[in-house]
PDB file of N, CA and C in Angstrom:
ATOM      1  N   MET A   1       0.817  -1.187   0.000  1.00  0.00           N
ATOM      2  CA  MET A   1       0.000   0.000   0.000  1.00  0.00           C
ATOM      3  C   MET A   1       0.864   1.256   0.000  1.00  0.00           C
ATOM      4  N   SER A   2       1.799   1.308  -0.899  1.00  0.00           N
ATOM      5  CA  SER A   2       2.663   2.493  -0.975  1.00  0.00           C
ATOM      6  C   SER A   2       1.898   3.720  -1.450  1.00  0.00           C
ATOM      7  N   TRP A   3       0.792   3.540  -2.151  1.00  0.00           N
ATOM      8  CA  TRP A   3       0.006   4.688  -2.616  1.00  0.00           C
ATOM      9  C   TRP A   3      -0.593   5.440  -1.431  1.00  0.00           C
ATOM     10  N   VAL A   4      -0.850   4.719  -0.328  1.00  0.00           N
ATOM     11  CA  VAL A   4      -1.411   5.367   0.863  1.00  0.00           C
ATOM     12  C   VAL A   4      -0.411   6.360   1.435  1.00  0.00           C
ATOM     13  N   ARG A   5       0.881   5.984   1.430  1.00  0.00           N
ATOM     14  CA  ARG A   5       1.908   6.892   1.940  1.00  0.00           C
ATOM     15  C   ARG A   5       1.949   8.187   1.149  1.00  0.00           C
ATOM     16  N   GLY A   6       1.661   8.122  -0.128  1.00  0.00           N
ATOM     17  CA  GLY A   6       1.648   9.323  -0.952  1.00  0.00           C
ATOM     18  C   GLY A   6       0.457  10.226  -0.672  1.00  0.00           C
ATOM     19  N   ILE A   7      -0.625   9.642  -0.181  1.00  0.00           N
ATOM     20  CA  ILE A   7      -1.839  10.407   0.120  1.00  0.00           C
ATOM     21  C   ILE A   7      -1.840  10.902   1.559  1.00  0.00           C
ATOM     22  N   MET A   8      -1.446  10.032   2.470  1.00  0.00           N
ATOM     23  CA  MET A   8      -1.498  10.367   3.890  1.00  0.00           C
ATOM     24  C   MET A   8      -0.440  11.408   4.255  1.00  0.00           C
ATOM     25  N   LEU A   9      -0.851  12.359   5.039  1.00  0.00           N
ATOM     26  CA  LEU A   9       0.071  13.344   5.578  1.00  0.00           C
ATOM     27  C   LEU A   9       0.708  12.781   6.836  1.00  0.00           C
ATOM     28  N   THR A  10       1.917  13.194   7.107  1.00  0.00           N
ATOM     29  CA  THR A  10       2.541  12.816   8.370  1.00  0.00           C
ATOM     30  C   THR A  10       2.027  13.760   9.457  1.00  0.00           C
ATOM     31  N   CYS A  11       2.209  13.378  10.694  1.00  0.00           N
ATOM     32  CA  CYS A  11       1.800  14.252  11.804  1.00  0.00           C
ATOM     33  C   CYS A  11       2.595  15.557  11.777  1.00  0.00           C
ATOM     34  N   ARG A  12       3.832  15.493  11.386  1.00  0.00           N
ATOM     35  CA  ARG A  12       4.646  16.709  11.284  1.00  0.00           C
ATOM     36  C   ARG A  12       4.049  17.668  10.245  1.00  0.00           C
ATOM     37  N   GLU A  13       3.663  17.125   9.098  1.00  0.00           N
ATOM     38  CA  GLU A  13       3.019  17.953   8.074  1.00  0.00           C
ATOM     39  C   GLU A  13       1.699  18.516   8.588  1.00  0.00           C
ATOM     40  N   MET A  14       0.963  17.697   9.329  1.00  0.00           N
ATOM     41  CA  MET A  14      -0.336  18.125   9.853  1.00  0.00           C
ATOM     42  C   MET A  14      -0.203  19.285  10.823  1.00  0.00           C
ATOM     43  N   THR A  15       0.783  19.240  11.699  1.00  0.00           N
ATOM     44  CA  THR A  15       0.920  20.330  12.673  1.00  0.00           C
ATOM     45  C   THR A  15       1.142  21.661  11.957  1.00  0.00           C
ATOM     46  N   ARG A  16       1.945  21.643  10.911  1.00  0.00           N
ATOM     47  CA  ARG A  16       2.186  22.867  10.142  1.00  0.00           C
ATOM     48  C   ARG A  16       0.920  23.306   9.418  1.00  0.00           C
ATOM     49  N   LEU A  17       0.248  22.355   8.784  1.00  0.00           N
ATOM     50  CA  LEU A  17      -0.955  22.682   8.018  1.00  0.00           C
ATOM     51  C   LEU A  17      -2.109  23.137   8.906  1.00  0.00           C
ATOM     52  N   LEU A  18      -2.251  22.538  10.083  1.00  0.00           N
ATOM     53  CA  LEU A  18      -3.309  22.968  10.991  1.00  0.00           C
ATOM     54  C   LEU A  18      -3.117  24.422  11.392  1.00  0.00           C
ATOM     55  N   SER A  19      -1.890  24.781  11.642  1.00  0.00           N
ATOM     56  CA  SER A  19      -1.591  26.177  11.983  1.00  0.00           C
ATOM     57  C   SER A  19      -1.829  27.093  10.786  1.00  0.00           C
ATOM     58  N   ASP A  20      -1.370  26.681   9.615  1.00  0.00           N
ATOM     59  CA  ASP A  20      -1.581  27.472   8.390  1.00  0.00           C
ATOM     60  C   ASP A  20      -3.068  27.664   8.100  1.00  0.00           C
ATOM     61  N   ALA A  21      -3.848  26.603   8.319  1.00  0.00           N
ATOM     62  CA  ALA A  21      -5.276  26.650   8.011  1.00  0.00           C
ATOM     63  C   ALA A  21      -6.018  27.656   8.886  1.00  0.00           C
ATOM     64  N   MET A  22      -5.458  27.985  10.038  1.00  0.00           N
ATOM     65  CA  MET A  22      -6.098  28.978  10.899  1.00  0.00           C
ATOM     66  C   MET A  22      -5.865  30.402  10.382  1.00  0.00           C
ATOM     67  N   ASP A  23      -4.839  30.564   9.564  1.00  0.00           N
ATOM     68  CA  ASP A  23      -4.476  31.897   9.077  1.00  0.00           C
ATOM     69  C   ASP A  23      -4.901  32.164   7.642  1.00  0.00           C
ATOM     70  N   ARG A  24      -5.090  31.095   6.868  1.00  0.00           N
ATOM     71  CA  ARG A  24      -5.442  31.290   5.461  1.00  0.00           C
ATOM     72  C   ARG A  24      -6.196  30.072   4.956  1.00  0.00           C
ATOM     73  N   SER A  25      -6.856  30.243   3.817  1.00  0.00           N
ATOM     74  CA  SER A  25      -7.582  29.139   3.209  1.00  0.00           C
ATOM     75  C   SER A  25      -6.609  28.257   2.432  1.00  0.00           C
ATOM     76  N   LEU A  26      -6.678  26.977   2.684  1.00  0.00           N
ATOM     77  CA  LEU A  26      -5.791  26.027   2.000  1.00  0.00           C
ATOM     78  C   LEU A  26      -6.497  25.448   0.778  1.00  0.00           C
ATOM     79  N   PRO A  27      -5.725  24.966  -0.199  1.00  0.00           N
ATOM     80  CA  PRO A  27      -6.330  24.334  -1.386  1.00  0.00           C
ATOM     81  C   PRO A  27      -7.158  23.109  -0.993  1.00  0.00           C
ATOM     82  N   LEU A  28      -8.144  22.824  -1.804  1.00  0.00           N
ATOM     83  CA  LEU A  28      -9.068  21.719  -1.533  1.00  0.00           C
ATOM     84  C   LEU A  28      -8.338  20.400  -1.328  1.00  0.00           C
ATOM     85  N   HIS A  29      -7.347  20.086  -2.164  1.00  0.00           N
ATOM     86  CA  HIS A  29      -6.674  18.786  -2.035  1.00  0.00           C
ATOM     87  C   HIS A  29      -5.983  18.648  -0.680  1.00  0.00           C
ATOM     88  N   LEU A  30      -5.439  19.741  -0.135  1.00  0.00           N
ATOM     89  CA  LEU A  30      -4.819  19.673   1.185  1.00  0.00           C
ATOM     90  C   LEU A  30      -5.859  19.526   2.282  1.00  0.00           C
ATOM     91  N   ARG A  31      -6.962  20.248   2.149  1.00  0.00           N
ATOM     92  CA  ARG A  31      -8.032  20.142   3.149  1.00  0.00           C
ATOM     93  C   ARG A  31      -8.573  18.714   3.202  1.00  0.00           C
ATOM     94  N   MET A  32      -8.703  18.084   2.049  1.00  0.00           N
ATOM     95  CA  MET A  32      -9.199  16.708   2.009  1.00  0.00           C
ATOM     96  C   MET A  32      -8.194  15.745   2.651  1.00  0.00           C
ATOM     97  N   ARG A  33      -6.922  15.922   2.351  1.00  0.00           N
ATOM     98  CA  ARG A  33      -5.889  15.063   2.955  1.00  0.00           C
ATOM     99  C   ARG A  33      -5.857  15.260   4.475  1.00  0.00           C
ATOM    100  N   MET A  34      -6.075  16.508   4.910  1.00  0.00           N
ATOM    101  CA  MET A  34      -6.111  16.782   6.347  1.00  0.00           C
ATOM    102  C   MET A  34      -7.293  16.072   7.007  1.00  0.00           C
ATOM    103  N   ARG A  35      -8.444  16.102   6.354  1.00  0.00           N
ATOM    104  CA  ARG A  35      -9.628  15.432   6.911  1.00  0.00           C
ATOM    105  C   ARG A  35      -9.398  13.936   7.069  1.00  0.00           C
ATOM    106  N   VAL A  36      -8.774  13.330   6.071  1.00  0.00           N
ATOM    107  CA  VAL A  36      -8.485  11.895   6.146  1.00  0.00           C
ATOM    108  C   VAL A  36      -7.563  11.623   7.326  1.00  0.00           C
ATOM    109  N   HIS A  37      -6.525  12.421   7.463  1.00  0.00           N
ATOM    110  CA  HIS A  37      -5.570  12.222   8.558  1.00  0.00           C
ATOM    111  C   HIS A  37      -6.266  12.410   9.906  1.00  0.00           C
ATOM    112  N   LEU A  38      -7.054  13.480  10.027  1.00  0.00           N
ATOM    113  CA  LEU A  38      -7.742  13.744  11.293  1.00  0.00           C
ATOM    114  C   LEU A  38      -8.761  12.663  11.642  1.00  0.00           C
ATOM    115  N   ALA A  39      -9.308  11.996  10.635  1.00  0.00           N
ATOM    116  CA  ALA A  39     -10.285  10.939  10.887  1.00  0.00           C
ATOM    117  C   ALA A  39      -9.658   9.744  11.601  1.00  0.00           C
ATOM    118  N   ILE A  40      -8.340   9.572  11.453  1.00  0.00           N
ATOM    119  CA  ILE A  40      -7.706   8.387  12.050  1.00  0.00           C
ATOM    120  C   ILE A  40      -6.651   8.711  13.111  1.00  0.00           C
ATOM    121  N   CYS A  41      -6.250   9.961  13.240  1.00  0.00           N
ATOM    122  CA  CYS A  41      -5.142  10.287  14.146  1.00  0.00           C
ATOM    123  C   CYS A  41      -5.640  11.091  15.350  1.00  0.00           C
ATOM    124  N   THR A  42      -5.733  10.438  16.482  1.00  0.00           N
ATOM    125  CA  THR A  42      -6.230  11.115  17.680  1.00  0.00           C
ATOM    126  C   THR A  42      -5.233  12.159  18.196  1.00  0.00           C
ATOM    127  N   SER A  43      -3.962  11.959  17.957  1.00  0.00           N
ATOM    128  CA  SER A  43      -2.961  12.944  18.397  1.00  0.00           C
ATOM    129  C   SER A  43      -3.155  14.272  17.665  1.00  0.00           C
ATOM    130  N   CYS A  44      -3.366  14.201  16.384  1.00  0.00           N
ATOM    131  CA  CYS A  44      -3.569  15.433  15.609  1.00  0.00           C
ATOM    132  C   CYS A  44      -4.933  16.055  15.897  1.00  0.00           C
ATOM    133  N   GLN A  45      -5.924  15.225  16.210  1.00  0.00           N
ATOM    134  CA  GLN A  45      -7.216  15.763  16.629  1.00  0.00           C
ATOM    135  C   GLN A  45      -7.043  16.587  17.904  1.00  0.00           C
ATOM    136  N   ARG A  46      -6.284  16.040  18.845  1.00  0.00           N
ATOM    137  CA  ARG A  46      -6.012  16.726  20.106  1.00  0.00           C
ATOM    138  C   ARG A  46      -5.238  18.018  19.865  1.00  0.00           C
ATOM    139  N   TYR A  47      -4.247  17.958  18.988  1.00  0.00           N
ATOM    140  CA  TYR A  47      -3.448  19.145  18.669  1.00  0.00           C
ATOM    141  C   TYR A  47      -4.333  20.236  18.048  1.00  0.00           C
ATOM    142  N   GLN A  48      -5.234  19.853  17.167  1.00  0.00           N
ATOM    143  CA  GLN A  48      -6.147  20.816  16.548  1.00  0.00           C
ATOM    144  C   GLN A  48      -7.038  21.479  17.610  1.00  0.00           C
ATOM    145  N   ARG A  49      -7.549  20.679  18.543  1.00  0.00           N
ATOM    146  CA  ARG A  49      -8.367  21.244  19.628  1.00  0.00           C
ATOM    147  C   ARG A  49      -7.553  22.220  20.472  1.00  0.00           C
ATOM    148  N   GLN A  50      -6.310  21.868  20.759  1.00  0.00           N
ATOM    149  CA  GLN A  50      -5.447  22.749  21.547  1.00  0.00           C
ATOM    150  C   GLN A  50      -5.208  24.069  20.826  1.00  0.00           C
ATOM    151  N   LEU A  51      -4.951  24.018  19.528  1.00  0.00           N
ATOM    152  CA  LEU A  51      -4.761  25.254  18.762  1.00  0.00           C
ATOM    153  C   LEU A  51      -6.004  26.125  18.804  1.00  0.00           C
ATOM    154  N   ARG A  52      -7.163  25.502  18.668  1.00  0.00           N
ATOM    155  CA  ARG A  52      -8.416  26.262  18.707  1.00  0.00           C
ATOM    156  C   ARG A  52      -8.634  26.911  20.071  1.00  0.00           C
ATOM    157  N   ILE A  53      -8.337  26.174  21.134  1.00  0.00           N
ATOM    158  CA  ILE A  53      -8.489  26.718  22.488  1.00  0.00           C
ATOM    159  C   ILE A  53      -7.539  27.895  22.693  1.00  0.00           C
ATOM    160  N   ILE A  54      -6.297  27.746  22.269  1.00  0.00           N
ATOM    161  CA  ILE A  54      -5.314  28.823  22.407  1.00  0.00           C
ATOM    162  C   ILE A  54      -5.759  30.051  21.631  1.00  0.00           C
ATOM    163  N   ARG A  55      -6.183  29.843  20.400  1.00  0.00           N
ATOM    164  CA  ARG A  55      -6.624  30.968  19.566  1.00  0.00           C
ATOM    165  C   ARG A  55      -7.834  31.673  20.182  1.00  0.00           C
ATOM    166  N   HIS A  56      -8.789  30.884  20.675  1.00  0.00           N
ATOM    167  CA  HIS A  56      -9.983  31.453  21.301  1.00  0.00           C
ATOM    168  C   HIS A  56      -9.599  32.245  22.558  1.00  0.00           C
ATOM    169  N   THR A  57      -8.747  31.668  23.384  1.00  0.00           N
ATOM    170  CA  THR A  57      -8.339  32.321  24.625  1.00  0.00           C
ATOM    171  C   THR A  57      -7.604  33.618  24.352  1.00  0.00           C
ATOM    172  N   LEU A  58      -6.685  33.594  23.403  1.00  0.00           N
ATOM    173  CA  LEU A  58      -5.955  34.817  23.072  1.00  0.00           C
ATOM    174  C   LEU A  58      -6.877  35.876  22.482  1.00  0.00           C
ATOM    175  N   GLY A  59      -7.842  35.446  21.678  1.00  0.00           N
ATOM    176  CA  GLY A  59      -8.783  36.392  21.110  1.00  0.00           C
ATOM    177  C   GLY A  59      -9.665  37.032  22.172  1.00  0.00           C
ATOM    178  N   LYS A  60     -10.032  36.243  23.157  1.00  0.00           N
ATOM    179  CA  LYS A  60     -10.933  36.723  24.195  1.00  0.00           C
ATOM    180  C   LYS A  60     -10.213  37.475  25.311  1.00  0.00           C
ATOM    181  N   HIS A  61      -9.005  37.030  25.656  1.00  0.00           N
ATOM    182  CA  HIS A  61      -8.307  37.574  26.816  1.00  0.00           C
ATOM    183  C   HIS A  61      -6.924  38.139  26.484  1.00  0.00           C
ATOM    184  N   GLY A  62      -6.650  38.349  25.210  1.00  0.00           N
ATOM    185  CA  GLY A  62      -5.318  38.776  24.784  1.00  0.00           C
ATOM    186  C   GLY A  62      -4.830  40.044  25.444  1.00  0.00           C
ATOM    187  N   GLU A  63      -5.697  41.031  25.575  1.00  0.00           N
ATOM    188  CA  GLU A  63      -5.273  42.294  26.183  1.00  0.00           C
ATOM    189  C   GLU A  63      -4.883  42.107  27.646  1.00  0.00           C
ATOM    190  N   ARG A  64      -5.660  41.305  28.368  1.00  0.00           N
ATOM    191  CA  ARG A  64      -5.317  41.058  29.776  1.00  0.00           C
ATOM    192  C   ARG A  64      -4.016  40.284  29.906  1.00  0.00           C
ATOM    193  N   LEU A  65      -3.810  39.320  29.007  1.00  0.00           N
ATOM    194  CA  LEU A  65      -2.568  38.552  29.044  1.00  0.00           C
ATOM    195  C   LEU A  65      -1.369  39.439  28.720  1.00  0.00           C
ATOM    196  N   GLU A  66      -1.538  40.310  27.739  1.00  0.00           N
ATOM    197  CA  GLU A  66      -0.462  41.223  27.366  1.00  0.00           C
ATOM    198  C   GLU A  66      -0.125  42.144  28.532  1.00  0.00           C
ATOM    199  N   GLU A  67      -1.128  42.626  29.207  1.00  0.00           N
ATOM    200  CA  GLU A  67      -0.925  43.508  30.362  1.00  0.00           C
ATOM    201  C   GLU A  67      -0.192  42.772  31.480  1.00  0.00           C
ATOM    202  N   ALA A  68      -0.541  41.521  31.689  1.00  0.00           N
ATOM    203  CA  ALA A  68       0.083  40.732  32.752  1.00  0.00           C
ATOM    204  C   ALA A  68       1.562  40.473  32.481  1.00  0.00           C
ATOM    205  N   TRP A  69       1.963  40.453  31.215  1.00  0.00           N
ATOM    206  CA  TRP A  69       3.352  40.162  30.866  1.00  0.00           C
ATOM    207  C   TRP A  69       4.231  41.403  30.817  1.00  0.00           C
ATOM    208  N   LYS A  70       3.649  42.570  31.006  1.00  0.00           N
ATOM    209  CA  LYS A  70       4.466  43.784  31.013  1.00  0.00           C
ATOM    210  C   LYS A  70       5.379  43.756  32.227  1.00  0.00           C
ATOM    211  N   PRO A  71       6.606  44.249  32.045  1.00  0.00           N
ATOM    212  CA  PRO A  71       7.535  44.255  33.184  1.00  0.00           C
ATOM    213  C   PRO A  71       6.966  45.063  34.343  1.00  0.00           C
ATOM    214  N   GLN A  72       7.122  44.529  35.523  1.00  0.00           N
ATOM    215  CA  GLN A  72       6.686  45.201  36.736  1.00  0.00           C
ATOM    216  C   GLN A  72       7.934  45.695  37.461  1.00  0.00           C
ATOM    217  N   GLY A  73       8.085  46.967  37.590  1.00  0.00           N
ATOM    218  CA  GLY A  73       9.236  47.503  38.301  1.00  0.00           C
ATOM    219  C   GLY A  73      10.194  48.209  37.362  1.00  0.00           C
ATOM    220  N   PRO A  74      11.354  48.574  37.887  1.00  0.00           N
ATOM    221  CA  PRO A  74      12.301  49.375  37.098  1.00  0.00           C
ATOM    222  C   PRO A  74      12.897  48.576  35.944  1.00  0.00           C
ATOM    223  N   SER A  75      13.236  49.293  34.897  1.00  0.00           N
ATOM    224  CA  SER A  75      13.901  48.659  33.758  1.00  0.00           C
ATOM    225  C   SER A  75      15.292  49.258  33.619  1.00  0.00           C
ATOM    226  N   LEU A  76      16.087  48.690  32.757  1.00  0.00           N
ATOM    227  CA  LEU A  76      17.453  49.181  32.550  1.00  0.00           C
ATOM    228  C   LEU A  76      17.447  50.521  31.831  1.00  0.00           C
ATOM    229  N   SER A  77      18.405  51.323  32.166  1.00  0.00           N
ATOM    230  CA  SER A  77      18.563  52.606  31.477  1.00  0.00           C
ATOM    231  C   SER A  77      19.108  52.344  30.072  1.00  0.00           C
ATOM    232  N   PRO A  78      18.937  53.280  29.147  1.00  0.00           N
ATOM    233  CA  PRO A  78      19.501  53.106  27.806  1.00  0.00           C
ATOM    234  C   PRO A  78      21.011  52.868  27.837  1.00  0.00           C
ATOM    235  N   GLU A  79      21.706  53.542  28.741  1.00  0.00           N
ATOM    236  CA  GLU A  79      23.164  53.359  28.847  1.00  0.00           C
ATOM    237  C   GLU A  79      23.503  51.928  29.267  1.00  0.00           C
ATOM    238  N   ALA A  80      22.771  51.410  30.242  1.00  0.00           N
ATOM    239  CA  ALA A  80      23.022  50.041  30.700  1.00  0.00           C
ATOM    240  C   ALA A  80      22.747  49.041  29.588  1.00  0.00           C
ATOM    241  N   LYS A  81      21.683  49.276  28.817  1.00  0.00           N
ATOM    242  CA  LYS A  81      21.371  48.403  27.690  1.00  0.00           C
ATOM    243  C   LYS A  81      22.492  48.421  26.660  1.00  0.00           C
ATOM    244  N   GLN A  82      23.059  49.597  26.390  1.00  0.00           N
ATOM    245  CA  GLN A  82      24.166  49.703  25.439  1.00  0.00           C
ATOM    246  C   GLN A  82      25.391  48.961  25.947  1.00  0.00           C
ATOM    247  N   ARG A  83      25.699  49.088  27.250  1.00  0.00           N
ATOM    248  CA  ARG A  83      26.853  48.375  27.823  1.00  0.00           C
ATOM    249  C   ARG A  83      26.667  46.860  27.686  1.00  0.00           C
ATOM    250  N   LEU A  84      25.477  46.394  27.977  1.00  0.00           N
ATOM    251  CA  LEU A  84      25.203  44.962  27.839  1.00  0.00           C
ATOM    252  C   LEU A  84      25.333  44.506  26.386  1.00  0.00           C
ATOM    253  N   GLN A  85      24.823  45.318  25.473  1.00  0.00           N
ATOM    254  CA  GLN A  85      24.907  44.980  24.050  1.00  0.00           C
ATOM    255  C   GLN A  85      26.359  44.883  23.609  1.00  0.00           C
ATOM    256  N   ARG A  86      27.176  45.859  24.014  1.00  0.00           N
ATOM    257  CA  ARG A  86      28.609  45.835  23.656  1.00  0.00           C
ATOM    258  C   ARG A  86      29.290  44.610  24.249  1.00  0.00           C
ATOM    259  N   ALA A  87      28.962  44.275  25.493  1.00  0.00           N
ATOM    260  CA  ALA A  87      29.563  43.114  26.129  1.00  0.00           C
ATOM    261  C   ALA A  87      29.185  41.824  25.420  1.00  0.00           C
ATOM    262  N   LEU A  88      27.940  41.731  24.953  1.00  0.00           N
ATOM    263  CA  LEU A  88      27.511  40.544  24.229  1.00  0.00           C
ATOM    264  C   LEU A  88      28.154  40.427  22.857  1.00  0.00           C
ATOM    265  N   GLU A  89      28.425  41.559  22.234  1.00  0.00           N
ATOM    266  CA  GLU A  89      29.012  41.558  20.898  1.00  0.00           C
ATOM    267  C   GLU A  89      30.536  41.437  20.915  1.00  0.00           C
ATOM    268  N   ALA A  90      31.153  41.667  22.071  1.00  0.00           N
ATOM    269  CA  ALA A  90      32.621  41.616  22.173  1.00  0.00           C
ATOM    270  C   ALA A  90      33.124  40.198  21.950  1.00  0.00           C
ATOM    271  N   PRO A  91      34.239  40.072  21.239  1.00  0.00           N
ATOM    272  CA  PRO A  91      34.793  38.728  21.027  1.00  0.00           C
ATOM    273  C   PRO A  91      35.228  38.103  22.355  1.00  0.00           C
ATOM    274  N   ARG A  92      35.016  36.826  22.487  1.00  0.00           N
ATOM    275  CA  ARG A  92      35.413  36.107  23.726  1.00  0.00           C
ATOM    276  C   ARG A  92      36.893  35.778  23.673  1.00  0.00           C
ATOM    277  N   GLN A  93      37.491  35.830  24.826  1.00  0.00           N
ATOM    278  CA  GLN A  93      38.935  35.521  24.900  1.00  0.00           C
ATOM    279  C   GLN A  93      39.185  34.266  25.655  1.00  0.00           C
TER     280      GLN A  93
END
């Protein structure tokens, strides 16, 4: 059944395509291959549900999450940032 391998998507291909499908419309032949894969692969079904939950949560609560991730407290001065940048770019000895 080597023809099946040519039709079936791998899970690695599916993870990429599931993400792509959330951002743009995919060609019919890819959507059909995805449906076949999802019909038999519980791991990819679970991954698709997780992506949907993440997307929904970010859409609903994104502003609050962004606010929560803002630095709390003092930040480095521009001079300190420049010193760190120079130190990182300096050749190691």
